[in-house]
C-alpha atoms as a PDB file:
ATOM      1  CA  MET A   1     192.480 129.389 140.167  1.00  0.00           C
ATOM      2  CA  THR A   2     191.641 126.173 142.033  1.00  0.00           C
ATOM      3  CA  ALA A   3     187.934 127.019 142.123  1.00  0.00           C
ATOM      4  CA  ALA A   4     187.952 127.762 138.388  1.00  0.00           C
ATOM      5  CA  MET A   5     189.669 124.435 137.624  1.00  0.00           C
ATOM      6  CA  LEU A   6     187.236 122.539 139.837  1.00  0.00           C
ATOM      7  CA  ALA A   7     184.265 124.218 138.129  1.00  0.00           C
ATOM      8  CA  LEU A   8     185.774 123.367 134.736  1.00  0.00           C
ATOM      9  CA  PHE A   9     185.988 119.670 135.645  1.00  0.00           C
ATOM     10  CA  LYS A  10     182.561 119.536 137.314  1.00  0.00           C
ATOM     11  CA  GLU A  11     180.802 120.941 134.262  1.00  0.00           C
ATOM     12  CA  SER A  12     182.727 118.969 131.640  1.00  0.00           C
ATOM     13  CA  THR A  13     182.534 115.719 129.770  1.00  0.00           C
ATOM     14  CA  ILE A  14     185.704 113.684 130.313  1.00  0.00           C
ATOM     15  CA  GLN A  15     186.829 110.846 128.054  1.00  0.00           C
ATOM     16  CA  TYR A  16     190.083 108.953 128.201  1.00  0.00           C
ATOM     17  CA  GLU A  17     191.953 106.243 126.396  1.00  0.00           C
ATOM     18  CA  GLY A  18     195.270 104.673 127.132  1.00  0.00           C
ATOM     19  CA  MET A  19     197.107 101.683 128.490  1.00  0.00           C
ATOM     20  CA  VAL A  20     198.796 100.553 131.679  1.00  0.00           C
ATOM     21  CA  SER A  21     201.607  98.126 132.403  1.00  0.00           C
ATOM     22  CA  LEU A  22     201.370  97.005 136.049  1.00  0.00           C
ATOM     23  CA  PRO A  23     204.428  94.772 136.432  1.00  0.00           C
ATOM     24  CA  GLU A  24     207.421  96.720 137.734  1.00  0.00           C
ATOM     25  CA  PRO A  25     208.248  99.253 136.486  1.00  0.00           C
ATOM     26  CA  VAL A  26     204.693 100.569 136.389  1.00  0.00           C
ATOM     27  CA  ARG A  27     203.944 102.672 133.321  1.00  0.00           C
ATOM     28  CA  MET A  28     200.771 104.388 132.172  1.00  0.00           C
ATOM     29  CA  GLU A  29     200.056 106.388 129.049  1.00  0.00           C
ATOM     30  CA  ALA A  30     196.699 108.099 128.640  1.00  0.00           C
ATOM     31  CA  THR A  31     195.043 110.892 126.763  1.00  0.00           C
ATOM     32  CA  PHE A  32     192.245 112.705 128.562  1.00  0.00           C
ATOM     33  CA  THR A  33     189.802 114.708 126.449  1.00  0.00           C
ATOM     34  CA  LEU A  34     188.002 117.348 128.477  1.00  0.00           C
ATOM     35  CA  THR A  35     185.040 119.132 126.876  1.00  0.00           C
ATOM     36  CA  PRO A  36     183.754 122.005 129.020  1.00  0.00           C
ATOM     37  CA  LYS A  37     179.988 122.532 129.081  1.00  0.00           C
ATOM     38  CA  GLY A  38     179.028 124.711 126.116  1.00  0.00           C
ATOM     39  CA  ALA A  39     182.487 124.566 124.528  1.00  0.00           C
ATOM     40  CA  VAL A  40     182.949 123.927 120.835  1.00  0.00           C
ATOM     41  CA  SER A  41     186.390 122.343 121.007  1.00  0.00           C
ATOM     42  CA  PRO A  42     187.800 119.962 123.650  1.00  0.00           C
ATOM     43  CA  ILE A  43     190.998 120.249 125.680  1.00  0.00           C
ATOM     44  CA  VAL A  44     193.327 117.272 125.092  1.00  0.00           C
ATOM     45  CA  LEU A  45     195.652 116.363 127.978  1.00  0.00           C
ATOM     46  CA  PRO A  46     198.284 113.666 127.293  1.00  0.00           C
ATOM     47  CA  ILE A  47     199.697 112.101 130.482  1.00  0.00           C
ATOM     48  CA  LEU A  48     202.567 109.657 131.016  1.00  0.00           C
ATOM     49  CA  LEU A  49     203.435 107.958 134.333  1.00  0.00           C
ATOM     50  CA  LYS A  50     206.939 106.494 134.298  1.00  0.00           C
ATOM     51  CA  ASP A  51     209.788 106.038 136.797  1.00  0.00           C
ATOM     52  CA  ASN A  52     207.781 107.591 139.687  1.00  0.00           C
ATOM     53  CA  LYS A  53     207.176 110.728 137.641  1.00  0.00           C
ATOM     54  CA  MET A  54     204.080 112.119 135.968  1.00  0.00           C
ATOM     55  CA  TYR A  55     204.564 113.956 132.686  1.00  0.00           C
ATOM     56  CA  LEU A  56     201.669 116.206 131.679  1.00  0.00           C
ATOM     57  CA  HIS A  57     201.223 118.322 128.580  1.00  0.00           C
ATOM     58  CA  LEU A  58     199.033 121.387 129.122  1.00  0.00           C
ATOM     59  CA  PRO A  59     198.303 122.862 125.682  1.00  0.00           C
ATOM     60  CA  ALA A  60     197.342 126.262 127.105  1.00  0.00           C
ATOM     61  CA  ILE A  61     200.745 126.811 128.747  1.00  0.00           C
ATOM     62  CA  SER A  62     203.186 124.211 127.351  1.00  0.00           C
ATOM     63  CA  PRO A  63     204.908 124.527 123.978  1.00  0.00           C
ATOM     64  CA  THR A  64     204.278 121.687 121.510  1.00  0.00           C
ATOM     65  CA  ASP A  65     205.961 118.438 122.601  1.00  0.00           C
ATOM     66  CA  GLU A  66     206.970 119.906 125.990  1.00  0.00           C
ATOM     67  CA  TYR A  67     205.740 118.241 129.177  1.00  0.00           C
ATOM     68  CA  ILE A  68     205.588 119.330 132.799  1.00  0.00           C
ATOM     69  CA  MET A  69     207.192 116.758 135.123  1.00  0.00           C
ATOM     70  CA  LEU A  70     205.784 116.122 138.593  1.00  0.00           C
ATOM     71  CA  PRO A  71     207.786 113.777 140.867  1.00  0.00           C
ATOM     72  CA  LEU A  72     205.713 111.040 142.510  1.00  0.00           C
ATOM     73  CA  GLU A  73     208.293 109.686 144.974  1.00  0.00           C
ATOM     74  CA  ASN A  74     206.044 110.389 147.959  1.00  0.00           C
ATOM     75  CA  ALA A  75     202.829 109.195 146.295  1.00  0.00           C
ATOM     76  CA  GLN A  76     203.069 105.681 147.779  1.00  0.00           C
ATOM     77  CA  SER A  77     203.596 107.021 151.306  1.00  0.00           C
ATOM     78  CA  LEU A  78     200.560 109.295 150.861  1.00  0.00           C
ATOM     79  CA  TRP A  79     198.415 106.320 149.795  1.00  0.00           C
ATOM     80  CA  ASN A  80     199.667 104.285 152.769  1.00  0.00           C
ATOM     81  CA  ALA A  81     198.911 107.136 155.194  1.00  0.00           C
ATOM     82  CA  ALA A  82     195.361 107.448 153.801  1.00  0.00           C
ATOM     83  CA  ALA A  83     194.664 103.705 154.021  1.00  0.00           C
ATOM     84  CA  PRO A  84     192.252 102.729 156.809  1.00  0.00           C
ATOM     85  CA  LYS A  85     193.900 101.049 159.780  1.00  0.00           C
ATOM     86  CA  SER A  86     192.412  97.764 160.977  1.00  0.00           C
END
């Protein structure tokens, strides 16, 4: 599944539009439009980042107006661990 998803992204055209509010609390709303190579119709992926959670609508598996929620509580600690040490 992972290899198929990676191949899908590597061979696709990706466009996005949205907006971000950086002052606390951080909030981002975006719509990614993914057009696989040779496909007639694109895949539209709305994403919302709010309150340390990412909400993602996957049209292939999510009912209309239903989002998958992914907690991002540990995201900051992951970024800090990956930062180069001086």
